[in-house]
Structures are given as structure tokens and as C-alpha cells.
Amino acid sequence: MRLVRDKRGQFIIIAALLVAIMIVSASAVVFNAVTYYRHEMWEEYLTVIDGVKAGTSNVLELSLANYTQTLNGNILKMNLDYWRDDVKKAYSGFGAILSYSLASGSRSVYGMNLNYNLGLARTWNQRISFSAANATANLNITSVGLTGYKFVSTVFLKMNVTDVIWYDGQGQNPGPFVGVRVVMYAEGPTVLTNLQQSNFVLFQIGSPGVDQPFTLVRYYESTGHGGNPALNTFVYELRYTAQSDPRTVTATISVVDARGIKVTGQAALNTINY
């Protein structure tokens, strides 16, 4: 009888172990499935967020390009309204809701004070000139309870008319001609280095300005001219023929970058001898 009871006890123990193993295995499978599902869902939500951020930046670029070409001050608000409706439709399954606020009044951007109206700003015909757009977006994804995700989108194009150089053509120097030097910046401290002559849509000399034929040279400026310190950056130099040193040059320059954004700068500068 003891032998029978011992065998029954062993059977119960073995059965209990098998049940425990099955429970642990099932739990692991369920946990992995749920974790994978959650991971996949969050990957989708991150894709939505990245898509909305990229789209908002594109809207600002297109709007600023339109504004600098037409001076339509309402274009950014109008385009963001369309974009807000498109986001709601495109991501309806996620419950994505986009709202925005446009920069207004004076704000400091990249170390400069910009005066915005309806998210747009421009200061042209200065030695340092710029065009800019700025909006703060707020994204909610109601399907997961994500609310209040904010990001700022800024688009910026800056021109700095740095110097005017007189090349007298004496000795081994090139010339005679005058070179007007310009440095171009996009967002932040990024120096634009891919502009072509066709991007310089206006080059006038004098006041009032007269269109001037020119050749474009791009180089890295590491040596100062006429005792001036080196710029240590990429420079665009617009060169035009002159028979004598004009001493002072008033130049007006308009540039349209690859995004279609325009900026116009103007400066009256004394020439520096090469």
C-alpha cells in the first residue's frame, strides 16, 4: 500500500510540475506577444510624429518662399490651416490633432532680433539682411493619450555683405575689377556653399542701382585683405569690370536659394586693396 501511495504522490508532483511549466511557457509567449505589439504600435506613433514634424517644416519653407516672392503676409497662416486639416484626415486612425501658434513681435533667433508678424519676418536692403518664418506646433494623438507634444519649426535665410575689394591688375594680381563679397547662411550657423551664379538673381551697383554683369567666384577665405582679419568661411565674390578704384561701392544683391527663399541685401562699403 505504501508503494502505491508513493507512486501516486510522485505522479501528482510530476503533473504539478508539468502544469507549472505550461503556465510559465504560456506567460512568456503572451508577454512577448504583448511587448512586440506595443513596440510595433509605438513605432507607428513615432512615424506619425516624425511625419508631422517634417511636413510642418516643409510648409514653413514653401510659405516663406512664397512670402519673399509675393509679400503675401497671410500665406503661412493659410498654409498651416490646410496642413492642420490634412493631418487630421491622413492620421484619422490615430486621432492626430495638430494646432499651432505663429511667432509675433520681437524674438531672438540665431543671435538676431527678428520682428515677426503672423510667423513671418524680413529685414532687407541692409548689410546683414534676412528672411525668416517661425511657428510652434502642438500635436495630440488621442488613440494613446499623447497630448501637448510641442515642437518649434524655424526657417531662416541670411545674407551678409562683408567687403568690397579692388583688384588693380598690377603685377601678378588679377584685374582690373571690383569684387563684392557675400556670405550666406541657412538655419543656425550653417554656411551655404552650394549656390550657383543663377541663384544671384539681382546685382546692382550705385544708388539708384544699375544692373551689373558679373562673374561669380566661391572660395574659402582664410587670409585677410587690406589689414582686415580673415573671415575663415566660404565666401561668394561677385566680380565686375572697373578701370579704376571706385573707393566706395554701393551694391544691391538678391539671392534665391534652392528652397525658393529670397533675401535682398544692400551695403555701401569702402574698397579694400587686394
Protein backbone atom coordinates (compact mmCIF):
# COMPACT_ATOMS: atom_id res chain seq x y z
CA MET A 1 0.00 0.00 0.00
CA ARG A 2 2.87 2.35 0.78
CA LEU A 3 4.34 1.65 -2.66
CA VAL A 4 1.07 2.56 -4.33
CA ARG A 5 0.73 5.75 -2.32
CA ASP A 6 4.35 6.71 -3.17
CA LYS A 7 3.69 6.24 -6.88
CA ARG A 8 0.52 8.31 -6.69
CA GLY A 9 2.40 11.06 -4.85
CA GLN A 10 5.13 11.08 -7.48
CA PHE A 11 2.52 11.28 -10.23
CA ILE A 12 0.85 14.27 -8.58
CA ILE A 13 4.19 16.02 -8.18
CA ILE A 14 5.14 15.38 -11.81
CA ALA A 15 1.71 16.55 -13.01
CA ALA A 16 2.01 19.70 -10.92
CA LEU A 17 5.46 20.42 -12.39
CA LEU A 18 4.15 19.96 -15.94
CA VAL A 19 1.26 22.34 -15.26
CA ALA A 20 3.68 24.92 -13.81
CA ILE A 21 5.95 24.62 -16.85
CA MET A 22 2.97 25.11 -19.16
CA ILE A 23 1.84 28.19 -17.23
CA VAL A 24 5.33 29.73 -17.33
CA SER A 25 5.67 28.97 -21.05
CA ALA A 26 2.26 30.43 -21.84
CA SER A 27 3.05 33.53 -19.80
CA ALA A 28 6.31 34.05 -21.69
CA VAL A 29 4.54 33.72 -25.04
CA VAL A 30 1.80 36.16 -24.01
CA PHE A 31 4.37 38.62 -22.62
CA ASN A 32 6.45 38.51 -25.81
CA ALA A 33 3.36 38.96 -27.95
CA VAL A 34 2.12 41.94 -25.95
CA THR A 35 5.58 43.53 -25.83
CA TYR A 36 6.04 43.09 -29.58
CA TYR A 37 2.60 44.54 -30.23
CA ARG A 38 3.29 47.56 -28.08
CA HIS A 39 6.69 48.06 -29.73
CA GLU A 40 5.11 47.91 -33.18
CA MET A 41 2.42 50.40 -32.18
CA TRP A 42 4.93 52.87 -30.77
CA GLU A 43 6.97 52.59 -33.94
CA GLU A 44 3.86 53.70 -35.82
CA TYR A 45 3.26 56.61 -33.45
CA LEU A 46 6.86 57.76 -33.82
CA THR A 47 6.42 57.61 -37.60
CA VAL A 48 3.36 59.84 -37.29
CA ILE A 49 5.25 62.36 -35.13
CA ASP A 50 8.24 62.45 -37.49
CA GLY A 51 5.93 62.84 -40.49
CA VAL A 52 4.04 65.73 -38.92
CA LYS A 53 7.28 67.50 -37.93
CA ALA A 54 8.79 67.10 -41.40
CA GLY A 55 5.57 68.23 -43.06
CA THR A 56 5.33 71.30 -40.85
CA SER A 57 8.90 72.28 -41.72
CA ASN A 58 8.09 71.90 -45.43
CA VAL A 59 5.02 74.10 -45.04
CA LEU A 60 7.16 76.81 -43.46
CA GLU A 61 9.73 76.59 -46.24
CA LEU A 62 7.12 76.82 -49.00
CA SER A 63 5.30 79.64 -47.23
CA LEU A 64 8.46 81.67 -46.67
CA ALA A 65 9.44 81.19 -50.32
CA ASN A 66 6.01 82.44 -51.37
CA TYR A 67 6.15 85.36 -48.94
CA THR A 68 9.57 86.55 -50.11
CA GLN A 69 8.45 86.40 -53.74
CA THR A 70 4.94 87.90 -53.36
CA LEU A 71 4.98 89.62 -49.90
CA ASN A 72 1.68 87.89 -49.05
CA GLY A 73 1.77 88.17 -45.25
CA ASN A 74 -1.14 85.73 -44.73
CA ILE A 75 0.37 82.83 -46.65
CA LEU A 76 1.87 80.97 -43.67
CA LYS A 77 -1.37 81.03 -41.66
CA MET A 78 -3.36 79.88 -44.67
CA ASN A 79 -0.99 77.01 -45.49
CA LEU A 80 -0.81 75.84 -41.86
CA ASP A 81 -4.62 75.77 -41.72
CA TYR A 82 -4.62 73.48 -44.76
CA TRP A 83 -1.86 71.34 -43.22
CA ARG A 84 -3.74 71.05 -39.91
CA ASP A 85 -6.80 69.68 -41.79
CA ASP A 86 -4.62 67.32 -43.85
CA VAL A 87 -3.00 65.87 -40.71
CA LYS A 88 -6.40 65.15 -39.18
CA LYS A 89 -7.53 63.32 -42.33
CA ALA A 90 -4.26 61.50 -43.05
CA TYR A 91 -3.89 60.14 -39.49
CA SER A 92 -7.57 59.79 -38.59
CA GLY A 93 -6.98 56.27 -37.29
CA PHE A 94 -4.54 57.63 -34.71
CA GLY A 95 -6.67 60.57 -33.68
CA ALA A 96 -3.90 63.02 -34.60
CA ILE A 97 -4.83 66.64 -33.92
CA LEU A 98 -2.44 69.46 -34.86
CA SER A 99 -2.68 73.04 -33.64
CA TYR A 100 -0.18 75.87 -33.96
CA SER A 101 0.75 79.39 -32.91
CA LEU A 102 2.64 81.86 -35.08
CA ALA A 103 5.57 83.92 -33.86
CA SER A 104 4.62 87.52 -33.20
CA GLY A 105 6.61 90.57 -32.22
CA SER A 106 10.32 90.71 -31.48
CA ARG A 107 12.15 87.44 -30.94
CA SER A 108 15.79 86.47 -30.78
CA VAL A 109 16.71 83.84 -33.37
CA TYR A 110 20.30 82.73 -34.03
CA GLY A 111 21.58 85.77 -32.15
CA MET A 112 19.48 88.26 -34.11
CA ASN A 113 16.36 90.20 -33.14
CA LEU A 114 13.61 89.46 -35.64
CA ASN A 115 10.25 91.24 -35.74
CA TYR A 116 7.58 88.68 -36.69
CA ASN A 117 4.05 89.22 -37.96
CA LEU A 118 1.88 86.12 -38.48
CA GLY A 119 5.00 84.00 -38.20
CA LEU A 120 6.93 85.79 -40.96
CA ALA A 121 9.78 88.29 -40.80
CA ARG A 122 12.16 90.01 -43.16
CA THR A 123 14.71 92.78 -43.00
CA TRP A 124 16.12 93.59 -46.43
CA ASN A 125 18.40 96.15 -48.04
CA GLN A 126 20.81 96.10 -45.10
CA ARG A 127 24.40 94.94 -44.88
CA ILE A 128 23.04 91.99 -42.87
CA SER A 129 19.62 91.00 -44.24
CA PHE A 130 17.38 88.02 -43.59
CA SER A 131 14.08 86.27 -44.30
CA ALA A 132 12.50 84.04 -41.64
CA ALA A 133 9.45 82.00 -40.64
CA ASN A 134 8.65 80.68 -37.17
CA ALA A 135 5.76 78.62 -35.76
CA THR A 136 5.17 76.49 -32.66
CA ALA A 137 3.13 73.34 -33.27
CA ASN A 138 1.19 71.26 -30.75
CA LEU A 139 0.40 67.62 -31.60
CA ASN A 140 -2.07 65.32 -29.80
CA ILE A 141 -2.54 61.62 -30.61
CA THR A 142 -5.75 60.74 -28.82
CA SER A 143 -5.58 57.00 -29.51
CA VAL A 144 -2.76 56.65 -26.96
CA GLY A 145 -3.49 59.66 -24.81
CA LEU A 146 -0.48 61.61 -26.09
CA THR A 147 -1.17 65.32 -25.55
CA GLY A 148 0.82 68.50 -25.59
CA TYR A 149 3.73 67.35 -27.75
CA LYS A 150 5.25 70.67 -28.83
CA PHE A 151 7.93 71.50 -31.33
CA VAL A 152 9.19 74.73 -32.88
CA SER A 153 9.80 74.97 -36.60
CA THR A 154 12.07 77.74 -37.89
CA VAL A 155 13.20 78.55 -41.43
CA PHE A 156 15.86 81.17 -41.98
CA LEU A 157 17.97 82.70 -44.76
CA LYS A 158 20.58 85.36 -44.04
CA MET A 159 22.89 87.43 -46.21
CA ASN A 160 25.97 89.28 -45.01
CA VAL A 161 27.63 91.68 -47.47
CA THR A 162 31.09 91.62 -45.94
CA ASP A 163 33.58 93.57 -48.08
CA VAL A 164 34.31 95.22 -51.42
CA ILE A 165 37.78 94.53 -52.86
CA TRP A 166 39.60 96.44 -55.58
CA TYR A 167 41.86 94.31 -57.81
CA ASP A 168 44.15 96.73 -59.66
CA GLY A 169 45.65 94.16 -62.04
CA GLN A 170 49.19 95.24 -61.25
CA GLY A 171 51.99 92.70 -61.20
CA GLN A 172 50.61 89.19 -60.85
CA ASN A 173 47.30 90.36 -59.40
CA PRO A 174 44.13 89.73 -61.42
CA GLY A 175 42.09 92.71 -62.57
CA PRO A 176 41.24 95.40 -63.00
CA PHE A 177 37.87 94.65 -61.42
CA VAL A 178 35.86 95.03 -58.22
CA GLY A 179 34.74 92.08 -56.09
CA VAL A 180 31.74 92.33 -53.76
CA ARG A 181 31.93 89.58 -51.13
CA VAL A 182 28.85 87.91 -49.65
CA VAL A 183 28.39 85.16 -47.03
CA MET A 184 25.09 83.24 -46.98
CA TYR A 185 23.59 81.36 -44.03
CA ALA A 186 20.65 78.99 -43.63
CA GLU A 187 19.21 77.80 -40.26
CA GLY A 188 21.59 78.32 -37.37
CA PRO A 189 25.25 78.92 -38.20
CA THR A 190 25.09 76.79 -41.38
CA VAL A 191 27.01 78.46 -44.20
CA LEU A 192 25.53 77.87 -47.66
CA THR A 193 28.19 76.58 -50.04
CA ASN A 194 26.15 75.24 -52.98
CA LEU A 195 24.83 78.42 -54.59
CA GLN A 196 25.41 78.99 -58.30
CA GLN A 197 25.52 82.20 -60.32
CA SER A 198 21.87 81.64 -61.27
CA ASN A 199 20.91 81.92 -57.57
CA PHE A 200 22.08 85.56 -57.60
CA VAL A 201 19.04 86.99 -59.35
CA LEU A 202 19.94 90.68 -58.87
CA PHE A 203 23.24 92.52 -58.77
CA GLN A 204 23.18 96.30 -59.00
CA ILE A 205 25.84 98.92 -58.41
CA GLY A 206 25.17 102.52 -57.42
CA SER A 207 22.23 104.39 -55.97
CA PRO A 208 19.88 104.21 -57.74
CA GLY A 209 21.15 100.78 -58.72
CA VAL A 210 22.15 99.80 -62.24
CA ASP A 211 22.25 96.13 -63.29
CA GLN A 212 25.83 94.99 -63.50
CA PRO A 213 27.20 91.97 -65.41
CA PHE A 214 29.34 89.85 -63.10
CA THR A 215 31.20 86.60 -62.67
CA LEU A 216 30.83 84.53 -59.51
CA VAL A 217 33.74 83.06 -57.57
CA ARG A 218 33.36 80.90 -54.48
CA TYR A 219 36.27 80.23 -52.14
CA TYR A 220 37.24 79.65 -48.54
CA GLU A 221 38.55 82.95 -47.19
CA SER A 222 41.44 82.31 -44.82
CA THR A 223 43.59 85.39 -45.50
CA GLY A 224 42.56 88.93 -44.66
CA HIS A 225 42.67 91.80 -47.16
CA GLY A 226 43.97 95.30 -46.57
CA GLY A 227 44.71 94.59 -42.92
CA ASN A 228 41.22 93.23 -42.26
CA PRO A 229 41.03 89.92 -40.36
CA ALA A 230 40.24 86.75 -42.29
CA LEU A 231 36.60 85.65 -42.39
CA ASN A 232 37.53 81.95 -42.18
CA THR A 233 34.40 80.88 -44.02
CA PHE A 234 33.09 80.26 -47.55
CA VAL A 235 32.61 83.48 -49.49
CA TYR A 236 30.81 84.29 -52.73
CA GLU A 237 32.51 87.09 -54.64
CA LEU A 238 30.65 88.91 -57.40
CA ARG A 239 33.24 90.47 -59.71
CA TYR A 240 32.62 93.20 -62.28
CA THR A 241 34.98 95.13 -64.53
CA ALA A 242 36.22 98.56 -63.42
CA GLN A 243 39.07 100.65 -64.83
CA SER A 244 39.88 102.46 -61.60
CA ASP A 245 39.32 102.10 -57.87
CA PRO A 246 35.84 103.47 -57.15
CA ARG A 247 36.80 103.99 -53.47
CA THR A 248 33.20 103.43 -52.34
CA VAL A 249 30.74 100.92 -53.76
CA THR A 250 27.00 100.66 -53.11
CA ALA A 251 25.87 97.14 -54.02
CA THR A 252 22.38 95.63 -54.03
CA ILE A 253 22.19 91.83 -54.21
CA SER A 254 19.25 89.42 -54.26
CA VAL A 255 19.66 85.68 -53.74
CA VAL A 256 17.09 82.89 -54.12
CA ASP A 257 18.27 79.64 -52.53
CA ALA A 258 17.40 76.07 -53.53
CA ARG A 259 14.20 76.23 -51.43
CA GLY A 260 12.97 79.26 -53.35
CA ILE A 261 13.51 81.61 -50.39
CA LYS A 262 14.68 85.09 -51.33
CA VAL A 263 16.69 87.72 -49.48
CA THR A 264 17.97 91.10 -50.67
CA GLY A 265 20.94 92.87 -49.11
CA GLN A 266 22.47 96.27 -49.69
CA ALA A 267 25.63 97.92 -48.45
CA ALA A 268 27.77 100.98 -49.14
CA LEU A 269 31.37 99.98 -48.41
CA ASN A 270 34.83 101.39 -48.89
CA THR A 271 37.02 99.31 -51.16
CA ILE A 272 39.89 97.25 -49.80
CA ASN A 273 43.02 96.94 -51.94
CA TYR A 274 43.92 93.37 -52.82
